[in-house]
Amino acid sequence: MKKLLLLIGLIALVGCKSEQKEKDTEEDSYVIPSSEKSSEKTPLTASIERGKKIYSDLCVTCHLPTGKGIAGTYPPLDGSNWLTEKREESIRGVKYGMQGPITVNGEKYDNIMTPMGLSDQEVADAMNYVMNSWSNNIKDMVTKEEVEAIQKSE
């Protein structure tokens, strides 16, 4: 009986450790830009915090918690040349959705991203989270005004 109780306790302990490791890994996905590591909350860090919630609710299903996407189906956001080279197109895609062929990091994708129904501020927040998470470190903050100025393409 003592051996059974010990075994159950050991299994519970291992399960807790595994669950905590997953939680730690997910929480480590956001990279605070080196210029903003003070205890003060800047407009960018506040936007990133809001954007993380939006990403977790709407984007994580396709682009995954790691931002790696699914090869051939959903493009990666982590280390994405699309984010760095096609800023306006990236914002437009989040704001209005997108479809048709694109090339990200040399790989072709041809899928549909439906519009998420986000406000301009929510689009900016989601973009700031993605642009400053994982290996991304794009410090040029996306603003609500920048999003407002982007029109749907014909």
C-alpha atoms as a PDB file:
ATOM      1  CA  MET A   1       0.000   0.000   0.000  1.00  0.00           C
ATOM      2  CA  LYS A   2       2.865   2.382   0.857  1.00  0.00           C
ATOM      3  CA  LYS A   3       4.453   1.662  -2.522  1.00  0.00           C
ATOM      4  CA  LEU A   4       1.181   2.492  -4.303  1.00  0.00           C
ATOM      5  CA  LEU A   5       0.850   5.821  -2.457  1.00  0.00           C
ATOM      6  CA  LEU A   6       4.491   6.649  -3.217  1.00  0.00           C
ATOM      7  CA  LEU A   7       3.943   5.838  -6.913  1.00  0.00           C
ATOM      8  CA  ILE A   8       0.811   8.036  -7.076  1.00  0.00           C
ATOM      9  CA  GLY A   9       2.654  10.901  -5.388  1.00  0.00           C
ATOM     10  CA  LEU A  10       5.575  10.557  -7.802  1.00  0.00           C
ATOM     11  CA  ILE A  11       3.264  10.599 -10.837  1.00  0.00           C
ATOM     12  CA  ALA A  12       1.490  13.719  -9.537  1.00  0.00           C
ATOM     13  CA  LEU A  13       4.836  15.458  -8.957  1.00  0.00           C
ATOM     14  CA  VAL A  14       6.095  14.656 -12.459  1.00  0.00           C
ATOM     15  CA  GLY A  15       2.794  15.867 -13.966  1.00  0.00           C
ATOM     16  CA  CYS A  16       3.037  19.175 -12.111  1.00  0.00           C
ATOM     17  CA  LYS A  17       6.640  19.695 -13.213  1.00  0.00           C
ATOM     18  CA  SER A  18       5.740  18.949 -16.840  1.00  0.00           C
ATOM     19  CA  GLU A  19       2.773  21.353 -16.729  1.00  0.00           C
ATOM     20  CA  GLN A  20       4.951  24.104 -15.216  1.00  0.00           C
ATOM     21  CA  LYS A  21       7.644  23.567 -17.874  1.00  0.00           C
ATOM     22  CA  GLU A  22       5.052  24.042 -20.662  1.00  0.00           C
ATOM     23  CA  LYS A  23       3.749  27.176 -18.948  1.00  0.00           C
ATOM     24  CA  ASP A  24       7.276  28.577 -18.559  1.00  0.00           C
ATOM     25  CA  THR A  25       8.083  27.901 -22.216  1.00  0.00           C
ATOM     26  CA  GLU A  26       4.918  29.641 -23.428  1.00  0.00           C
ATOM     27  CA  GLU A  27       5.476  32.655 -21.195  1.00  0.00           C
ATOM     28  CA  ASP A  28       9.038  33.026 -22.466  1.00  0.00           C
ATOM     29  CA  SER A  29       7.862  33.667 -26.034  1.00  0.00           C
ATOM     30  CA  TYR A  30       7.785  37.448 -25.619  1.00  0.00           C
ATOM     31  CA  VAL A  31      11.146  39.179 -25.931  1.00  0.00           C
ATOM     32  CA  ILE A  32      11.406  42.578 -24.279  1.00  0.00           C
ATOM     33  CA  PRO A  33      13.500  44.851 -26.454  1.00  0.00           C
ATOM     34  CA  SER A  34      16.765  45.665 -24.687  1.00  0.00           C
ATOM     35  CA  SER A  35      16.005  49.377 -24.647  1.00  0.00           C
ATOM     36  CA  GLU A  36      12.820  48.726 -22.686  1.00  0.00           C
ATOM     37  CA  LYS A  37      13.937  46.441 -19.877  1.00  0.00           C
ATOM     38  CA  SER A  38      13.238  48.995 -17.159  1.00  0.00           C
ATOM     39  CA  SER A  39      10.370  48.535 -14.739  1.00  0.00           C
ATOM     40  CA  GLU A  40       8.417  51.348 -16.431  1.00  0.00           C
ATOM     41  CA  LYS A  41       5.656  50.336 -18.794  1.00  0.00           C
ATOM     42  CA  THR A  42       6.148  52.055 -22.142  1.00  0.00           C
ATOM     43  CA  PRO A  43       3.473  52.460 -24.815  1.00  0.00           C
ATOM     44  CA  LEU A  44       5.132  49.622 -26.741  1.00  0.00           C
ATOM     45  CA  THR A  45       5.252  47.193 -23.810  1.00  0.00           C
ATOM     46  CA  ALA A  46       1.627  47.996 -22.910  1.00  0.00           C
ATOM     47  CA  SER A  47       0.596  47.348 -26.523  1.00  0.00           C
ATOM     48  CA  ILE A  48       2.558  44.089 -26.589  1.00  0.00           C
ATOM     49  CA  GLU A  49       0.795  42.895 -23.417  1.00  0.00           C
ATOM     50  CA  ARG A  50      -2.611  43.589 -24.972  1.00  0.00           C
ATOM     51  CA  GLY A  51      -1.478  41.998 -28.228  1.00  0.00           C
ATOM     52  CA  LYS A  52      -0.414  38.802 -26.480  1.00  0.00           C
ATOM     53  CA  LYS A  53      -4.017  38.272 -25.331  1.00  0.00           C
ATOM     54  CA  ILE A  54      -5.323  38.853 -28.856  1.00  0.00           C
ATOM     55  CA  TYR A  55      -2.739  36.458 -30.297  1.00  0.00           C
ATOM     56  CA  SER A  56      -3.644  33.814 -27.720  1.00  0.00           C
ATOM     57  CA  ASP A  57      -7.347  34.157 -28.523  1.00  0.00           C
ATOM     58  CA  LEU A  58      -7.284  34.405 -32.321  1.00  0.00           C
ATOM     59  CA  CYS A  59      -3.931  33.707 -33.928  1.00  0.00           C
ATOM     60  CA  VAL A  60      -2.415  30.828 -31.983  1.00  0.00           C
ATOM     61  CA  THR A  61      -4.574  28.169 -33.649  1.00  0.00           C
ATOM     62  CA  CYS A  62      -2.904  28.629 -37.036  1.00  0.00           C
ATOM     63  CA  HIS A  63       0.430  30.262 -36.206  1.00  0.00           C
ATOM     64  CA  LEU A  64       0.982  28.201 -33.005  1.00  0.00           C
ATOM     65  CA  PRO A  65       2.275  29.371 -29.600  1.00  0.00           C
ATOM     66  CA  THR A  66       5.803  29.323 -31.025  1.00  0.00           C
ATOM     67  CA  GLY A  67       4.939  31.527 -34.015  1.00  0.00           C
ATOM     68  CA  LYS A  68       6.371  28.812 -36.283  1.00  0.00           C
ATOM     69  CA  GLY A  69       3.112  28.252 -38.215  1.00  0.00           C
ATOM     70  CA  ILE A  70       2.537  25.024 -40.130  1.00  0.00           C
ATOM     71  CA  ALA A  71       4.840  24.463 -43.099  1.00  0.00           C
ATOM     72  CA  GLY A  72       3.050  24.816 -46.416  1.00  0.00           C
ATOM     73  CA  THR A  73      -0.238  25.819 -44.769  1.00  0.00           C
ATOM     74  CA  TYR A  74       0.142  28.694 -42.286  1.00  0.00           C
ATOM     75  CA  PRO A  75       3.244  30.876 -42.598  1.00  0.00           C
ATOM     76  CA  PRO A  76       5.614  31.427 -39.706  1.00  0.00           C
ATOM     77  CA  LEU A  77       5.585  34.707 -37.830  1.00  0.00           C
ATOM     78  CA  ASP A  78       8.786  33.946 -35.922  1.00  0.00           C
ATOM     79  CA  GLY A  79      11.674  35.250 -38.014  1.00  0.00           C
ATOM     80  CA  SER A  80       9.301  36.140 -40.843  1.00  0.00           C
ATOM     81  CA  ASN A  81      10.759  38.227 -43.654  1.00  0.00           C
ATOM     82  CA  TRP A  82       7.137  39.142 -44.518  1.00  0.00           C
ATOM     83  CA  LEU A  83       6.931  41.154 -41.277  1.00  0.00           C
ATOM     84  CA  THR A  84      10.208  42.958 -41.849  1.00  0.00           C
ATOM     85  CA  GLU A  85       9.899  43.562 -45.600  1.00  0.00           C
ATOM     86  CA  LYS A  86       6.135  43.971 -46.057  1.00  0.00           C
ATOM     87  CA  ARG A  87       4.970  45.938 -43.052  1.00  0.00           C
ATOM     88  CA  GLU A  88       1.940  47.525 -44.744  1.00  0.00           C
ATOM     89  CA  GLU A  89       0.834  44.197 -46.272  1.00  0.00           C
ATOM     90  CA  SER A  90       1.217  42.525 -42.868  1.00  0.00           C
ATOM     91  CA  ILE A  91      -0.959  45.125 -41.171  1.00  0.00           C
ATOM     92  CA  ARG A  92      -3.507  44.985 -44.006  1.00  0.00           C
ATOM     93  CA  GLY A  93      -3.665  41.184 -43.658  1.00  0.00           C
ATOM     94  CA  VAL A  94      -4.455  41.382 -39.945  1.00  0.00           C
ATOM     95  CA  LYS A  95      -6.934  44.227 -40.448  1.00  0.00           C
ATOM     96  CA  TYR A  96      -8.850  42.901 -43.474  1.00  0.00           C
ATOM     97  CA  GLY A  97      -7.764  39.284 -43.837  1.00  0.00           C
ATOM     98  CA  MET A  98      -5.921  38.027 -46.884  1.00  0.00           C
ATOM     99  CA  GLN A  99      -5.928  35.325 -49.502  1.00  0.00           C
ATOM    100  CA  GLY A 100      -3.802  34.234 -52.388  1.00  0.00           C
ATOM    101  CA  PRO A 101      -0.194  33.289 -52.802  1.00  0.00           C
ATOM    102  CA  ILE A 102       2.559  34.810 -50.695  1.00  0.00           C
ATOM    103  CA  THR A 103       6.159  33.787 -50.095  1.00  0.00           C
ATOM    104  CA  VAL A 104       7.525  33.833 -46.557  1.00  0.00           C
ATOM    105  CA  ASN A 105      11.162  32.985 -45.912  1.00  0.00           C
ATOM    106  CA  GLY A 106      11.407  31.449 -49.390  1.00  0.00           C
ATOM    107  CA  GLU A 107       8.407  29.120 -48.946  1.00  0.00           C
ATOM    108  CA  LYS A 108       5.158  29.608 -50.853  1.00  0.00           C
ATOM    109  CA  TYR A 109       1.789  29.766 -49.063  1.00  0.00           C
ATOM    110  CA  ASP A 110      -1.610  30.004 -50.724  1.00  0.00           C
ATOM    111  CA  ASN A 111      -4.337  29.996 -48.121  1.00  0.00           C
ATOM    112  CA  ILE A 112      -7.017  32.252 -46.664  1.00  0.00           C
ATOM    113  CA  MET A 113      -6.705  34.297 -43.488  1.00  0.00           C
ATOM    114  CA  THR A 114     -10.171  35.516 -42.579  1.00  0.00           C
ATOM    115  CA  PRO A 115     -10.705  38.992 -41.135  1.00  0.00           C
ATOM    116  CA  MET A 116     -10.751  38.829 -37.345  1.00  0.00           C
ATOM    117  CA  GLY A 117     -13.021  41.832 -36.787  1.00  0.00           C
ATOM    118  CA  LEU A 118     -10.409  43.686 -34.753  1.00  0.00           C
ATOM    119  CA  SER A 119     -10.436  47.401 -34.040  1.00  0.00           C
ATOM    120  CA  ASP A 120      -7.511  49.451 -35.353  1.00  0.00           C
ATOM    121  CA  GLN A 121      -6.008  49.513 -31.847  1.00  0.00           C
ATOM    122  CA  GLU A 122      -6.329  45.720 -31.537  1.00  0.00           C
ATOM    123  CA  VAL A 123      -4.637  45.266 -34.927  1.00  0.00           C
ATOM    124  CA  ALA A 124      -1.775  47.502 -33.758  1.00  0.00           C
ATOM    125  CA  ASP A 125      -1.487  45.577 -30.478  1.00  0.00           C
ATOM    126  CA  ALA A 126      -1.457  42.173 -32.200  1.00  0.00           C
ATOM    127  CA  MET A 127       1.166  43.398 -34.669  1.00  0.00           C
ATOM    128  CA  ASN A 128       3.359  44.800 -31.878  1.00  0.00           C
ATOM    129  CA  TYR A 129       3.189  41.478 -30.018  1.00  0.00           C
ATOM    130  CA  VAL A 130       4.102  39.437 -33.091  1.00  0.00           C
ATOM    131  CA  MET A 131       6.833  41.854 -34.172  1.00  0.00           C
ATOM    132  CA  ASN A 132       8.506  41.642 -30.750  1.00  0.00           C
ATOM    133  CA  SER A 133       8.085  37.968 -29.874  1.00  0.00           C
ATOM    134  CA  TRP A 134      10.185  34.859 -30.380  1.00  0.00           C
ATOM    135  CA  SER A 135      13.217  35.880 -32.471  1.00  0.00           C
ATOM    136  CA  ASN A 136      11.503  39.039 -33.782  1.00  0.00           C
ATOM    137  CA  ASN A 137      12.702  42.394 -32.511  1.00  0.00           C
ATOM    138  CA  ILE A 138      11.085  45.090 -34.653  1.00  0.00           C
ATOM    139  CA  LYS A 139      11.123  48.128 -32.371  1.00  0.00           C
ATOM    140  CA  ASP A 140       9.297  50.457 -34.785  1.00  0.00           C
ATOM    141  CA  MET A 141       5.911  50.444 -33.027  1.00  0.00           C
ATOM    142  CA  VAL A 142       2.707  50.001 -35.038  1.00  0.00           C
ATOM    143  CA  THR A 143       0.250  52.701 -33.977  1.00  0.00           C
ATOM    144  CA  LYS A 144      -3.520  52.933 -34.173  1.00  0.00           C
ATOM    145  CA  GLU A 145      -3.089  55.866 -36.569  1.00  0.00           C
ATOM    146  CA  GLU A 146      -0.863  53.798 -38.870  1.00  0.00           C
ATOM    147  CA  VAL A 147      -3.491  51.042 -38.967  1.00  0.00           C
ATOM    148  CA  GLU A 148      -6.297  53.563 -39.580  1.00  0.00           C
ATOM    149  CA  ALA A 149      -4.444  54.880 -42.645  1.00  0.00           C
ATOM    150  CA  ILE A 150      -4.245  51.442 -44.312  1.00  0.00           C
ATOM    151  CA  GLN A 151      -7.060  50.872 -46.767  1.00  0.00           C
ATOM    152  CA  LYS A 152      -8.409  47.613 -48.101  1.00  0.00           C
ATOM    153  CA  SER A 153      -6.758  46.753 -51.405  1.00  0.00           C
ATOM    154  CA  GLU A 154      -8.957  46.246 -54.444  1.00  0.00           C
END
